[in-house]
Amino acid sequence: VLGKSPYLINRWPHGWHIEEMKKYFTIVHDDVYYHPEKDLDLERKDLAPRFAELSDEEIRISEVFVIGKKFTR
């Protein structure tokens, strides 16, 4: 999403990105960083309906660095 902010905001969960990337890329590197549980104030009831089925692990993800290599055809 690019609005008036000087940076991009990503609103998809990690698993959704990986599944989409696997259609076009080989995942070379996937670093996942988590919120410490004690500092996470997000509860399942706070999620939008489309995110209701996310795993507890997915909800705790705070940052991801993924490198993909595009398939050659």
N, C-alpha and C. Protein backbone atom coordinates (compact mmCIF):
# COMPACT_ATOMS: atom_id res chain seq x y z
N VAL A 1 0.86 -1.16 0.00
CA VAL A 1 0.00 0.00 0.00
C VAL A 1 0.90 1.22 0.00
N LEU A 2 0.69 2.12 -0.91
CA LEU A 2 1.48 3.34 -0.96
C LEU A 2 0.51 4.51 -0.97
N GLY A 3 0.48 5.22 0.11
CA GLY A 3 -0.36 6.41 0.20
C GLY A 3 0.53 7.62 0.25
N LYS A 4 0.27 8.49 1.21
CA LYS A 4 1.08 9.69 1.37
C LYS A 4 2.32 9.43 2.22
N SER A 5 2.44 8.20 2.71
CA SER A 5 3.60 7.84 3.55
C SER A 5 4.84 7.67 2.68
N PRO A 6 6.02 7.95 3.25
CA PRO A 6 7.26 7.79 2.50
C PRO A 6 7.74 6.34 2.49
N TYR A 7 6.91 5.40 2.93
CA TYR A 7 7.31 3.99 3.00
C TYR A 7 6.12 3.12 2.59
N LEU A 8 6.42 1.88 2.23
CA LEU A 8 5.38 0.93 1.86
C LEU A 8 4.90 0.17 3.09
N ILE A 9 3.63 -0.11 3.15
CA ILE A 9 3.06 -0.89 4.24
C ILE A 9 2.54 -2.19 3.65
N ASN A 10 2.91 -3.28 4.28
CA ASN A 10 2.51 -4.59 3.82
C ASN A 10 1.42 -5.12 4.75
N ARG A 11 0.31 -5.55 4.23
CA ARG A 11 -0.80 -5.97 5.07
C ARG A 11 -1.15 -7.46 4.95
N TRP A 12 -0.35 -8.24 4.25
CA TRP A 12 -0.60 -9.67 4.14
C TRP A 12 0.20 -10.42 5.20
N PRO A 13 -0.35 -11.50 5.74
CA PRO A 13 0.42 -12.33 6.67
C PRO A 13 1.56 -13.05 5.93
N HIS A 14 2.55 -13.43 6.67
CA HIS A 14 3.74 -14.09 6.12
C HIS A 14 3.38 -15.30 5.25
N GLY A 15 2.53 -16.18 5.76
CA GLY A 15 2.17 -17.39 5.02
C GLY A 15 1.54 -17.10 3.67
N TRP A 16 0.74 -16.05 3.60
CA TRP A 16 0.12 -15.67 2.33
C TRP A 16 1.18 -15.24 1.33
N HIS A 17 2.16 -14.47 1.79
CA HIS A 17 3.24 -14.02 0.91
C HIS A 17 4.05 -15.20 0.39
N ILE A 18 4.39 -16.11 1.29
CA ILE A 18 5.21 -17.25 0.88
C ILE A 18 4.48 -18.09 -0.17
N GLU A 19 3.20 -18.36 0.06
CA GLU A 19 2.43 -19.14 -0.91
C GLU A 19 2.38 -18.43 -2.27
N GLU A 20 2.19 -17.15 -2.28
CA GLU A 20 2.15 -16.39 -3.53
C GLU A 20 3.52 -16.37 -4.20
N MET A 21 4.57 -16.17 -3.41
CA MET A 21 5.92 -16.14 -3.97
C MET A 21 6.32 -17.47 -4.59
N LYS A 22 5.88 -18.57 -3.98
CA LYS A 22 6.24 -19.90 -4.48
C LYS A 22 5.70 -20.17 -5.89
N LYS A 23 4.75 -19.38 -6.33
CA LYS A 23 4.22 -19.52 -7.69
C LYS A 23 5.23 -19.05 -8.73
N TYR A 24 6.11 -18.13 -8.33
CA TYR A 24 7.02 -17.49 -9.28
C TYR A 24 8.48 -17.54 -8.87
N PHE A 25 8.75 -17.89 -7.62
CA PHE A 25 10.11 -17.84 -7.10
C PHE A 25 10.47 -19.11 -6.33
N THR A 26 11.75 -19.40 -6.29
CA THR A 26 12.29 -20.36 -5.34
C THR A 26 12.67 -19.55 -4.11
N ILE A 27 12.18 -19.94 -2.95
CA ILE A 27 12.52 -19.22 -1.72
C ILE A 27 13.94 -19.60 -1.34
N VAL A 28 14.83 -18.62 -1.37
CA VAL A 28 16.24 -18.85 -1.07
C VAL A 28 16.51 -18.63 0.42
N HIS A 29 15.83 -17.65 1.00
CA HIS A 29 16.07 -17.28 2.40
C HIS A 29 14.78 -16.74 2.99
N ASP A 30 14.49 -17.12 4.22
CA ASP A 30 13.26 -16.67 4.86
C ASP A 30 13.54 -16.50 6.36
N ASP A 31 13.88 -15.29 6.76
CA ASP A 31 14.12 -14.97 8.17
C ASP A 31 12.84 -14.42 8.77
N VAL A 32 12.38 -15.02 9.85
CA VAL A 32 11.15 -14.62 10.52
C VAL A 32 11.49 -14.16 11.93
N TYR A 33 10.99 -13.00 12.32
CA TYR A 33 11.22 -12.45 13.66
C TYR A 33 9.87 -12.31 14.35
N TYR A 34 9.83 -12.68 15.62
CA TYR A 34 8.59 -12.70 16.38
C TYR A 34 8.57 -11.65 17.48
N HIS A 35 7.35 -11.17 17.78
CA HIS A 35 7.15 -10.35 18.97
C HIS A 35 7.35 -11.24 20.18
N PRO A 36 7.98 -10.74 21.23
CA PRO A 36 7.96 -11.52 22.48
C PRO A 36 6.51 -11.61 22.95
N GLU A 37 6.06 -12.78 23.35
CA GLU A 37 4.66 -12.95 23.73
C GLU A 37 4.21 -11.98 24.80
N LYS A 38 5.08 -11.68 25.74
CA LYS A 38 4.68 -10.79 26.83
C LYS A 38 4.42 -9.37 26.36
N ASP A 39 4.97 -8.98 25.21
CA ASP A 39 4.81 -7.62 24.70
C ASP A 39 3.71 -7.49 23.64
N LEU A 40 3.09 -8.61 23.27
CA LEU A 40 2.09 -8.58 22.21
C LEU A 40 0.71 -8.34 22.79
N ASP A 41 0.13 -7.19 22.47
CA ASP A 41 -1.19 -6.82 23.00
C ASP A 41 -2.32 -7.20 22.04
N LEU A 42 -2.01 -7.95 21.01
CA LEU A 42 -3.01 -8.33 20.02
C LEU A 42 -3.69 -9.63 20.45
N GLU A 43 -5.00 -9.63 20.41
CA GLU A 43 -5.77 -10.84 20.72
C GLU A 43 -6.55 -11.26 19.48
N ARG A 44 -6.88 -12.53 19.41
CA ARG A 44 -7.59 -13.06 18.25
C ARG A 44 -8.88 -12.28 17.97
N LYS A 45 -9.58 -11.84 19.00
CA LYS A 45 -10.83 -11.08 18.81
C LYS A 45 -10.58 -9.72 18.15
N ASP A 46 -9.34 -9.24 18.15
CA ASP A 46 -8.99 -7.97 17.54
C ASP A 46 -8.77 -8.08 16.03
N LEU A 47 -8.73 -9.31 15.51
CA LEU A 47 -8.42 -9.52 14.10
C LEU A 47 -9.65 -9.32 13.22
N ALA A 48 -9.42 -8.85 12.00
CA ALA A 48 -10.48 -8.79 11.00
C ALA A 48 -10.89 -10.22 10.65
N PRO A 49 -12.13 -10.44 10.24
CA PRO A 49 -12.60 -11.80 9.94
C PRO A 49 -11.72 -12.58 8.97
N ARG A 50 -11.14 -11.92 7.97
CA ARG A 50 -10.33 -12.66 7.00
C ARG A 50 -9.04 -13.21 7.61
N PHE A 51 -8.66 -12.71 8.79
CA PHE A 51 -7.45 -13.20 9.45
C PHE A 51 -7.76 -14.14 10.62
N ALA A 52 -9.01 -14.50 10.78
CA ALA A 52 -9.44 -15.31 11.92
C ALA A 52 -8.79 -16.68 11.98
N GLU A 53 -8.41 -17.24 10.85
CA GLU A 53 -7.84 -18.59 10.81
C GLU A 53 -6.32 -18.62 10.93
N LEU A 54 -5.69 -17.47 11.14
CA LEU A 54 -4.22 -17.46 11.28
C LEU A 54 -3.80 -18.21 12.53
N SER A 55 -2.68 -18.89 12.43
CA SER A 55 -2.16 -19.62 13.59
C SER A 55 -1.62 -18.62 14.62
N ASP A 56 -1.48 -19.08 15.85
CA ASP A 56 -0.90 -18.24 16.90
C ASP A 56 0.51 -17.81 16.52
N GLU A 57 1.25 -18.71 15.89
CA GLU A 57 2.61 -18.39 15.46
C GLU A 57 2.60 -17.26 14.43
N GLU A 58 1.70 -17.36 13.47
CA GLU A 58 1.60 -16.34 12.41
C GLU A 58 1.24 -14.98 13.00
N ILE A 59 0.38 -14.96 13.99
CA ILE A 59 -0.03 -13.70 14.61
C ILE A 59 1.15 -13.03 15.32
N ARG A 60 2.06 -13.82 15.85
CA ARG A 60 3.21 -13.26 16.59
C ARG A 60 4.32 -12.72 15.69
N ILE A 61 4.27 -12.97 14.38
CA ILE A 61 5.32 -12.51 13.48
C ILE A 61 5.30 -10.99 13.40
N SER A 62 6.45 -10.39 13.62
CA SER A 62 6.54 -8.93 13.56
C SER A 62 7.30 -8.44 12.34
N GLU A 63 8.19 -9.27 11.82
CA GLU A 63 9.04 -8.82 10.72
C GLU A 63 9.56 -10.04 9.98
N VAL A 64 9.71 -9.92 8.65
CA VAL A 64 10.20 -11.02 7.84
C VAL A 64 11.11 -10.46 6.76
N PHE A 65 12.17 -11.22 6.46
CA PHE A 65 13.06 -10.88 5.36
C PHE A 65 13.12 -12.10 4.46
N VAL A 66 12.58 -11.97 3.23
CA VAL A 66 12.51 -13.11 2.31
C VAL A 66 13.30 -12.77 1.05
N ILE A 67 14.09 -13.73 0.60
CA ILE A 67 14.79 -13.61 -0.67
C ILE A 67 14.29 -14.72 -1.58
N GLY A 68 13.87 -14.35 -2.78
CA GLY A 68 13.41 -15.34 -3.73
C GLY A 68 14.17 -15.21 -5.05
N LYS A 69 14.36 -16.34 -5.71
CA LYS A 69 15.01 -16.35 -7.03
C LYS A 69 13.93 -16.69 -8.05
N LYS A 70 13.73 -15.79 -9.00
CA LYS A 70 12.68 -15.96 -9.99
C LYS A 70 12.96 -17.18 -10.86
N PHE A 71 11.90 -17.95 -11.14
CA PHE A 71 12.04 -19.09 -12.01
C PHE A 71 12.47 -18.62 -13.40
N THR A 72 13.34 -19.37 -14.03
CA THR A 72 13.70 -19.07 -15.43
C THR A 72 12.90 -20.02 -16.31
N ARG A 73 12.33 -19.49 -17.34
CA ARG A 73 11.47 -20.30 -18.22
C ARG A 73 12.09 -20.46 -19.57
